[in-house]
Amino acid sequence: MKILFAVDGSDYTRRALDYLATHDWLRQGNALAVFAVVLAVPHRAAAMAGPSLTHAYYHDDAEVALRPVREAFAASGTSAEFAWEIGHPAEAIAGKATREGFDLVVMGSHGHGALANVVLGSVATQVLARCKVPVLLIR
């Protein structure tokens, strides 16, 4: 099974990581891909900063979400591919899951903007609405 683990570095990402660590059926024998989405900076800001500074910002922002997962997976011997892209999180997650034929998306139920939508995070809600594959939300 191909599993896409969508991360943003929030407490709920940490909870989802803990869930993966205690549920071997999700990690063992499956192809795992860890994916972060970085919001685009405004066009004028990117133009003023220049391409190399803008790319460094995107890379650093993605690493904030990916690094803890990379370290936890390395410590447990779990192999995974790591990727990030620039865009709208829900669109990017659902698009990647569909384009690359994932069987399951795993993600935290809330991200950094948890106060905006108390019952379920807005990105999680949008992924559920857009995604054509099953989504496992971890609270």
N, C-alpha and C. Protein backbone atom coordinates (compact mmCIF):
# COMPACT_ATOMS: atom_id res chain seq x y z
N MET A 1 0.85 -1.16 0.00
CA MET A 1 0.00 0.00 0.00
C MET A 1 0.90 1.24 0.00
N LYS A 2 0.50 2.26 -0.76
CA LYS A 2 1.21 3.54 -0.80
C LYS A 2 0.51 4.52 0.13
N ILE A 3 1.26 5.05 1.10
CA ILE A 3 0.70 5.94 2.10
C ILE A 3 1.37 7.30 2.00
N LEU A 4 0.55 8.34 1.91
CA LEU A 4 1.03 9.71 1.90
C LEU A 4 0.80 10.31 3.29
N PHE A 5 1.88 10.69 3.96
CA PHE A 5 1.81 11.30 5.28
C PHE A 5 2.01 12.80 5.10
N ALA A 6 0.93 13.55 5.19
CA ALA A 6 0.97 15.00 5.02
C ALA A 6 1.29 15.67 6.35
N VAL A 7 2.32 16.51 6.36
CA VAL A 7 2.80 17.12 7.61
C VAL A 7 2.90 18.63 7.47
N ASP A 8 2.77 19.32 8.63
CA ASP A 8 2.94 20.78 8.64
C ASP A 8 3.74 21.26 9.85
N GLY A 9 4.22 20.34 10.67
CA GLY A 9 5.02 20.72 11.83
C GLY A 9 4.22 21.09 13.06
N SER A 10 2.91 20.97 13.00
CA SER A 10 2.05 21.33 14.14
C SER A 10 2.02 20.21 15.18
N ASP A 11 1.37 20.49 16.30
CA ASP A 11 1.20 19.47 17.34
C ASP A 11 0.42 18.27 16.80
N TYR A 12 -0.51 18.51 15.90
CA TYR A 12 -1.29 17.41 15.34
C TYR A 12 -0.47 16.55 14.39
N THR A 13 0.52 17.14 13.75
CA THR A 13 1.47 16.33 12.97
C THR A 13 2.23 15.42 13.91
N ARG A 14 2.64 15.94 15.05
CA ARG A 14 3.35 15.14 16.05
C ARG A 14 2.47 13.99 16.55
N ARG A 15 1.20 14.27 16.76
CA ARG A 15 0.27 13.21 17.19
C ARG A 15 0.15 12.14 16.11
N ALA A 16 0.06 12.56 14.86
CA ALA A 16 -0.02 11.59 13.76
C ALA A 16 1.27 10.78 13.67
N LEU A 17 2.41 11.41 13.89
CA LEU A 17 3.69 10.71 13.91
C LEU A 17 3.73 9.68 15.03
N ASP A 18 3.24 10.05 16.21
CA ASP A 18 3.16 9.11 17.33
C ASP A 18 2.24 7.95 16.99
N TYR A 19 1.14 8.23 16.31
CA TYR A 19 0.20 7.18 15.90
C TYR A 19 0.89 6.21 14.94
N LEU A 20 1.61 6.74 13.97
CA LEU A 20 2.34 5.88 13.03
C LEU A 20 3.37 5.01 13.76
N ALA A 21 4.02 5.59 14.76
CA ALA A 21 5.05 4.87 15.50
C ALA A 21 4.49 3.68 16.27
N THR A 22 3.22 3.76 16.69
CA THR A 22 2.63 2.69 17.49
C THR A 22 1.74 1.75 16.69
N HIS A 23 1.64 1.98 15.39
CA HIS A 23 0.81 1.12 14.53
C HIS A 23 1.67 0.57 13.38
N ASP A 24 2.30 -0.55 13.66
CA ASP A 24 3.22 -1.14 12.70
C ASP A 24 2.59 -1.43 11.35
N TRP A 25 1.30 -1.74 11.32
CA TRP A 25 0.65 -2.07 10.05
C TRP A 25 0.70 -0.91 9.06
N LEU A 26 0.86 0.31 9.55
CA LEU A 26 0.96 1.47 8.66
C LEU A 26 2.37 1.66 8.12
N ARG A 27 3.37 1.24 8.87
CA ARG A 27 4.75 1.49 8.48
C ARG A 27 5.39 0.31 7.77
N GLN A 28 5.13 -0.88 8.22
CA GLN A 28 5.85 -2.04 7.71
C GLN A 28 5.19 -2.60 6.45
N GLY A 29 6.02 -2.77 5.43
CA GLY A 29 5.54 -3.35 4.19
C GLY A 29 4.79 -2.36 3.29
N ASN A 30 4.75 -1.12 3.68
CA ASN A 30 4.08 -0.10 2.89
C ASN A 30 5.10 0.92 2.37
N ALA A 31 4.77 1.55 1.25
CA ALA A 31 5.61 2.62 0.72
C ALA A 31 5.12 3.93 1.32
N LEU A 32 5.95 4.55 2.14
CA LEU A 32 5.58 5.80 2.80
C LEU A 32 6.21 6.99 2.09
N ALA A 33 5.42 8.03 1.95
CA ALA A 33 5.92 9.30 1.43
C ALA A 33 5.48 10.40 2.38
N VAL A 34 6.42 11.20 2.83
CA VAL A 34 6.13 12.31 3.74
C VAL A 34 6.13 13.58 2.89
N PHE A 35 5.08 14.39 3.07
CA PHE A 35 4.85 15.52 2.17
C PHE A 35 4.46 16.77 2.94
N ALA A 36 5.14 17.86 2.65
CA ALA A 36 4.81 19.16 3.25
C ALA A 36 4.50 20.15 2.13
N VAL A 37 3.62 21.08 2.44
CA VAL A 37 3.25 22.12 1.48
C VAL A 37 3.60 23.46 2.10
N VAL A 38 4.29 24.28 1.34
CA VAL A 38 4.69 25.61 1.78
C VAL A 38 3.83 26.62 1.04
N LEU A 39 3.25 27.54 1.80
CA LEU A 39 2.45 28.60 1.17
C LEU A 39 3.37 29.54 0.39
N ALA A 40 2.91 29.96 -0.77
CA ALA A 40 3.68 30.87 -1.62
C ALA A 40 3.76 32.26 -0.98
N VAL A 41 4.91 32.87 -1.09
CA VAL A 41 5.04 34.26 -0.64
C VAL A 41 4.43 35.15 -1.73
N PRO A 42 3.97 36.32 -1.36
CA PRO A 42 3.41 37.23 -2.37
C PRO A 42 4.42 37.48 -3.49
N HIS A 43 3.91 37.64 -4.69
CA HIS A 43 4.75 37.80 -5.88
C HIS A 43 5.74 38.95 -5.74
N ARG A 44 5.29 40.08 -5.23
CA ARG A 44 6.19 41.24 -5.09
C ARG A 44 7.30 40.97 -4.08
N ALA A 45 6.97 40.28 -3.00
CA ALA A 45 7.99 39.96 -2.01
C ALA A 45 9.03 39.02 -2.61
N ALA A 46 8.57 38.03 -3.38
CA ALA A 46 9.50 37.10 -4.03
C ALA A 46 10.38 37.82 -5.03
N ALA A 47 9.81 38.77 -5.76
CA ALA A 47 10.58 39.53 -6.75
C ALA A 47 11.65 40.38 -6.06
N MET A 48 11.30 40.98 -4.95
CA MET A 48 12.26 41.81 -4.23
C MET A 48 13.36 40.97 -3.58
N ALA A 49 13.00 39.81 -3.06
CA ALA A 49 13.97 38.95 -2.38
C ALA A 49 14.90 38.26 -3.36
N GLY A 50 14.41 37.98 -4.54
CA GLY A 50 15.22 37.27 -5.54
C GLY A 50 15.01 35.77 -5.44
N PRO A 51 15.34 35.06 -6.52
CA PRO A 51 15.05 33.62 -6.58
C PRO A 51 15.79 32.78 -5.54
N SER A 52 17.06 33.06 -5.29
CA SER A 52 17.79 32.19 -4.36
C SER A 52 17.32 32.39 -2.92
N LEU A 53 17.06 33.61 -2.51
CA LEU A 53 16.56 33.85 -1.16
C LEU A 53 15.15 33.29 -0.99
N THR A 54 14.33 33.42 -2.01
CA THR A 54 12.96 32.90 -1.96
C THR A 54 12.99 31.38 -1.86
N HIS A 55 13.83 30.73 -2.68
CA HIS A 55 13.92 29.27 -2.61
C HIS A 55 14.45 28.82 -1.25
N ALA A 56 15.41 29.53 -0.71
CA ALA A 56 15.94 29.18 0.62
C ALA A 56 14.86 29.29 1.67
N TYR A 57 14.01 30.32 1.57
CA TYR A 57 12.89 30.46 2.50
C TYR A 57 11.95 29.26 2.40
N TYR A 58 11.59 28.90 1.17
CA TYR A 58 10.69 27.75 0.98
C TYR A 58 11.30 26.47 1.54
N HIS A 59 12.58 26.25 1.24
CA HIS A 59 13.26 25.05 1.71
C HIS A 59 13.29 25.01 3.23
N ASP A 60 13.65 26.12 3.86
CA ASP A 60 13.71 26.18 5.32
C ASP A 60 12.34 25.95 5.95
N ASP A 61 11.31 26.54 5.36
CA ASP A 61 9.95 26.37 5.87
C ASP A 61 9.51 24.91 5.77
N ALA A 62 9.83 24.27 4.66
CA ALA A 62 9.49 22.86 4.48
C ALA A 62 10.24 21.99 5.49
N GLU A 63 11.49 22.32 5.73
CA GLU A 63 12.31 21.53 6.66
C GLU A 63 11.77 21.60 8.09
N VAL A 64 11.14 22.70 8.47
CA VAL A 64 10.55 22.80 9.80
C VAL A 64 9.50 21.68 9.98
N ALA A 65 8.76 21.38 8.94
CA ALA A 65 7.75 20.32 9.01
C ALA A 65 8.34 18.93 8.80
N LEU A 66 9.32 18.82 7.91
CA LEU A 66 9.85 17.50 7.54
C LEU A 66 10.91 16.96 8.51
N ARG A 67 11.73 17.82 9.07
CA ARG A 67 12.86 17.38 9.90
C ARG A 67 12.46 16.48 11.07
N PRO A 68 11.45 16.83 11.88
CA PRO A 68 11.10 15.94 13.00
C PRO A 68 10.65 14.55 12.53
N VAL A 69 9.97 14.51 11.41
CA VAL A 69 9.52 13.22 10.88
C VAL A 69 10.72 12.43 10.36
N ARG A 70 11.60 13.10 9.64
CA ARG A 70 12.82 12.44 9.14
C ARG A 70 13.63 11.85 10.29
N GLU A 71 13.78 12.62 11.36
CA GLU A 71 14.55 12.16 12.51
C GLU A 71 13.87 10.99 13.21
N ALA A 72 12.56 11.06 13.39
CA ALA A 72 11.81 9.98 14.04
C ALA A 72 11.87 8.70 13.20
N PHE A 73 11.72 8.84 11.89
CA PHE A 73 11.78 7.68 11.01
C PHE A 73 13.17 7.06 11.01
N ALA A 74 14.20 7.90 11.01
CA ALA A 74 15.58 7.39 11.04
C ALA A 74 15.83 6.62 12.33
N ALA A 75 15.34 7.14 13.44
CA ALA A 75 15.54 6.47 14.74
C ALA A 75 14.82 5.13 14.81
N SER A 76 13.70 5.01 14.13
CA SER A 76 12.93 3.76 14.18
C SER A 76 13.24 2.83 13.01
N GLY A 77 14.10 3.27 12.09
CA GLY A 77 14.44 2.44 10.94
C GLY A 77 13.35 2.41 9.88
N THR A 78 12.48 3.38 9.89
CA THR A 78 11.39 3.46 8.91
C THR A 78 11.89 4.21 7.68
N SER A 79 11.71 3.61 6.52
CA SER A 79 12.14 4.30 5.30
C SER A 79 10.95 5.02 4.67
N ALA A 80 11.24 6.16 4.09
CA ALA A 80 10.21 6.96 3.44
C ALA A 80 10.85 7.92 2.46
N GLU A 81 10.06 8.35 1.51
CA GLU A 81 10.47 9.43 0.63
C GLU A 81 9.98 10.73 1.24
N PHE A 82 10.74 11.80 1.07
CA PHE A 82 10.37 13.10 1.60
C PHE A 82 10.29 14.10 0.45
N ALA A 83 9.20 14.88 0.44
CA ALA A 83 9.02 15.86 -0.63
C ALA A 83 8.23 17.05 -0.10
N TRP A 84 8.36 18.15 -0.81
CA TRP A 84 7.57 19.34 -0.49
C TRP A 84 7.29 20.08 -1.79
N GLU A 85 6.25 20.89 -1.74
CA GLU A 85 5.97 21.76 -2.87
C GLU A 85 5.32 23.05 -2.38
N ILE A 86 5.27 23.99 -3.26
CA ILE A 86 4.69 25.30 -2.96
C ILE A 86 3.26 25.30 -3.47
N GLY A 87 2.33 25.77 -2.63
CA GLY A 87 0.95 25.86 -3.09
C GLY A 87 -0.03 25.91 -1.94
N HIS A 88 -1.27 25.64 -2.29
CA HIS A 88 -2.35 25.58 -1.31
C HIS A 88 -2.33 24.17 -0.71
N PRO A 89 -2.25 24.03 0.61
CA PRO A 89 -2.08 22.71 1.20
C PRO A 89 -3.11 21.66 0.79
N ALA A 90 -4.39 21.97 0.88
CA ALA A 90 -5.41 20.96 0.56
C ALA A 90 -5.35 20.55 -0.90
N GLU A 91 -5.20 21.51 -1.79
CA GLU A 91 -5.10 21.20 -3.22
C GLU A 91 -3.88 20.34 -3.51
N ALA A 92 -2.74 20.72 -2.92
CA ALA A 92 -1.49 20.00 -3.17
C ALA A 92 -1.55 18.57 -2.63
N ILE A 93 -2.10 18.40 -1.44
CA ILE A 93 -2.18 17.07 -0.83
C ILE A 93 -3.10 16.17 -1.65
N ALA A 94 -4.31 16.64 -1.94
CA ALA A 94 -5.27 15.84 -2.71
C ALA A 94 -4.74 15.57 -4.12
N GLY A 95 -4.11 16.58 -4.72
CA GLY A 95 -3.55 16.40 -6.06
C GLY A 95 -2.45 15.37 -6.09
N LYS A 96 -1.54 15.43 -5.14
CA LYS A 96 -0.44 14.45 -5.09
C LYS A 96 -0.98 13.04 -4.86
N ALA A 97 -1.94 12.92 -3.95
CA ALA A 97 -2.52 11.59 -3.66
C ALA A 97 -3.13 10.99 -4.91
N THR A 98 -3.83 11.79 -5.69
CA THR A 98 -4.48 11.30 -6.91
C THR A 98 -3.46 11.04 -8.01
N ARG A 99 -2.61 12.02 -8.30
CA ARG A 99 -1.63 11.91 -9.39
C ARG A 99 -0.69 10.72 -9.22
N GLU A 100 -0.26 10.49 -7.98
CA GLU A 100 0.76 9.48 -7.75
C GLU A 100 0.20 8.15 -7.25
N GLY A 101 -1.11 8.01 -7.27
CA GLY A 101 -1.74 6.73 -6.97
C GLY A 101 -1.59 6.25 -5.54
N PHE A 102 -1.69 7.15 -4.58
CA PHE A 102 -1.61 6.74 -3.19
C PHE A 102 -2.91 6.03 -2.79
N ASP A 103 -2.79 5.09 -1.85
CA ASP A 103 -3.95 4.34 -1.37
C ASP A 103 -4.56 4.95 -0.12
N LEU A 104 -3.77 5.76 0.61
CA LEU A 104 -4.22 6.33 1.87
C LEU A 104 -3.45 7.62 2.14
N VAL A 105 -4.16 8.63 2.67
CA VAL A 105 -3.53 9.85 3.15
C VAL A 105 -3.67 9.85 4.66
N VAL A 106 -2.58 10.08 5.37
CA VAL A 106 -2.58 10.19 6.83
C VAL A 106 -2.16 11.61 7.17
N MET A 107 -2.92 12.26 8.06
CA MET A 107 -2.58 13.61 8.46
C MET A 107 -3.24 13.95 9.78
N GLY A 108 -2.74 14.98 10.43
CA GLY A 108 -3.35 15.48 11.65
C GLY A 108 -4.67 16.16 11.34
N SER A 109 -5.57 16.14 12.29
CA SER A 109 -6.89 16.72 12.06
C SER A 109 -6.88 18.24 12.06
N HIS A 110 -5.84 18.85 12.61
CA HIS A 110 -5.70 20.29 12.66
C HIS A 110 -4.25 20.65 12.35
N GLY A 111 -4.07 21.85 11.86
CA GLY A 111 -2.72 22.33 11.61
C GLY A 111 -2.42 23.52 12.48
N HIS A 112 -1.62 24.40 11.97
CA HIS A 112 -1.25 25.60 12.73
C HIS A 112 -2.43 26.53 12.95
N GLY A 113 -3.44 26.48 12.09
CA GLY A 113 -4.59 27.37 12.21
C GLY A 113 -5.76 26.71 12.89
N ALA A 114 -5.52 25.93 13.92
CA ALA A 114 -6.57 25.14 14.56
C ALA A 114 -7.71 25.99 15.12
N LEU A 115 -7.44 27.21 15.54
CA LEU A 115 -8.50 28.04 16.10
C LEU A 115 -9.51 28.49 15.06
N ALA A 116 -9.12 28.47 13.80
CA ALA A 116 -10.02 28.92 12.74
C ALA A 116 -11.20 27.97 12.57
N ASN A 117 -11.01 26.72 12.87
CA ASN A 117 -12.07 25.74 12.68
C ASN A 117 -11.95 24.73 13.82
N VAL A 118 -12.72 24.89 14.87
CA VAL A 118 -12.54 24.14 16.12
C VAL A 118 -12.82 22.66 15.97
N VAL A 119 -13.86 22.27 15.26
CA VAL A 119 -14.24 20.87 15.16
C VAL A 119 -13.25 20.09 14.31
N LEU A 120 -12.87 20.64 13.17
CA LEU A 120 -11.95 19.98 12.27
C LEU A 120 -11.21 21.07 11.51
N GLY A 121 -9.93 20.94 11.36
CA GLY A 121 -9.16 21.97 10.68
C GLY A 121 -9.63 22.20 9.25
N SER A 122 -9.47 23.42 8.78
CA SER A 122 -9.95 23.76 7.45
C SER A 122 -9.19 23.01 6.35
N VAL A 123 -7.89 22.80 6.50
CA VAL A 123 -7.15 22.03 5.50
C VAL A 123 -7.63 20.59 5.51
N ALA A 124 -7.81 20.01 6.68
CA ALA A 124 -8.31 18.64 6.77
C ALA A 124 -9.68 18.52 6.12
N THR A 125 -10.55 19.47 6.38
CA THR A 125 -11.89 19.46 5.78
C THR A 125 -11.80 19.52 4.26
N GLN A 126 -10.92 20.39 3.75
CA GLN A 126 -10.77 20.52 2.31
C GLN A 126 -10.13 19.29 1.68
N VAL A 127 -9.19 18.66 2.38
CA VAL A 127 -8.59 17.43 1.85
C VAL A 127 -9.67 16.35 1.76
N LEU A 128 -10.49 16.22 2.79
CA LEU A 128 -11.58 15.25 2.75
C LEU A 128 -12.51 15.49 1.57
N ALA A 129 -12.81 16.75 1.30
CA ALA A 129 -13.72 17.08 0.21
C ALA A 129 -13.09 16.84 -1.17
N ARG A 130 -11.79 17.05 -1.29
CA ARG A 130 -11.12 16.98 -2.60
C ARG A 130 -10.51 15.62 -2.92
N CYS A 131 -10.15 14.87 -1.90
CA CYS A 131 -9.37 13.65 -2.09
C CYS A 131 -10.23 12.49 -2.57
N LYS A 132 -9.70 11.75 -3.51
CA LYS A 132 -10.41 10.60 -4.05
C LYS A 132 -9.98 9.29 -3.39
N VAL A 133 -9.03 9.38 -2.46
CA VAL A 133 -8.57 8.20 -1.74
C VAL A 133 -8.93 8.36 -0.26
N PRO A 134 -8.96 7.28 0.51
CA PRO A 134 -9.26 7.38 1.94
C PRO A 134 -8.27 8.28 2.68
N VAL A 135 -8.79 8.99 3.67
CA VAL A 135 -7.99 9.88 4.49
C VAL A 135 -8.14 9.47 5.95
N LEU A 136 -7.01 9.23 6.61
CA LEU A 136 -7.00 8.91 8.03
C LEU A 136 -6.56 10.14 8.78
N LEU A 137 -7.50 10.75 9.53
CA LEU A 137 -7.20 11.94 10.31
C LEU A 137 -6.91 11.53 11.75
N ILE A 138 -5.83 12.08 12.29
CA ILE A 138 -5.42 11.76 13.65
C ILE A 138 -5.67 12.99 14.52
N ARG A 139 -6.41 12.81 15.62
CA ARG A 139 -6.68 13.91 16.55
C ARG A 139 -5.69 13.86 17.69
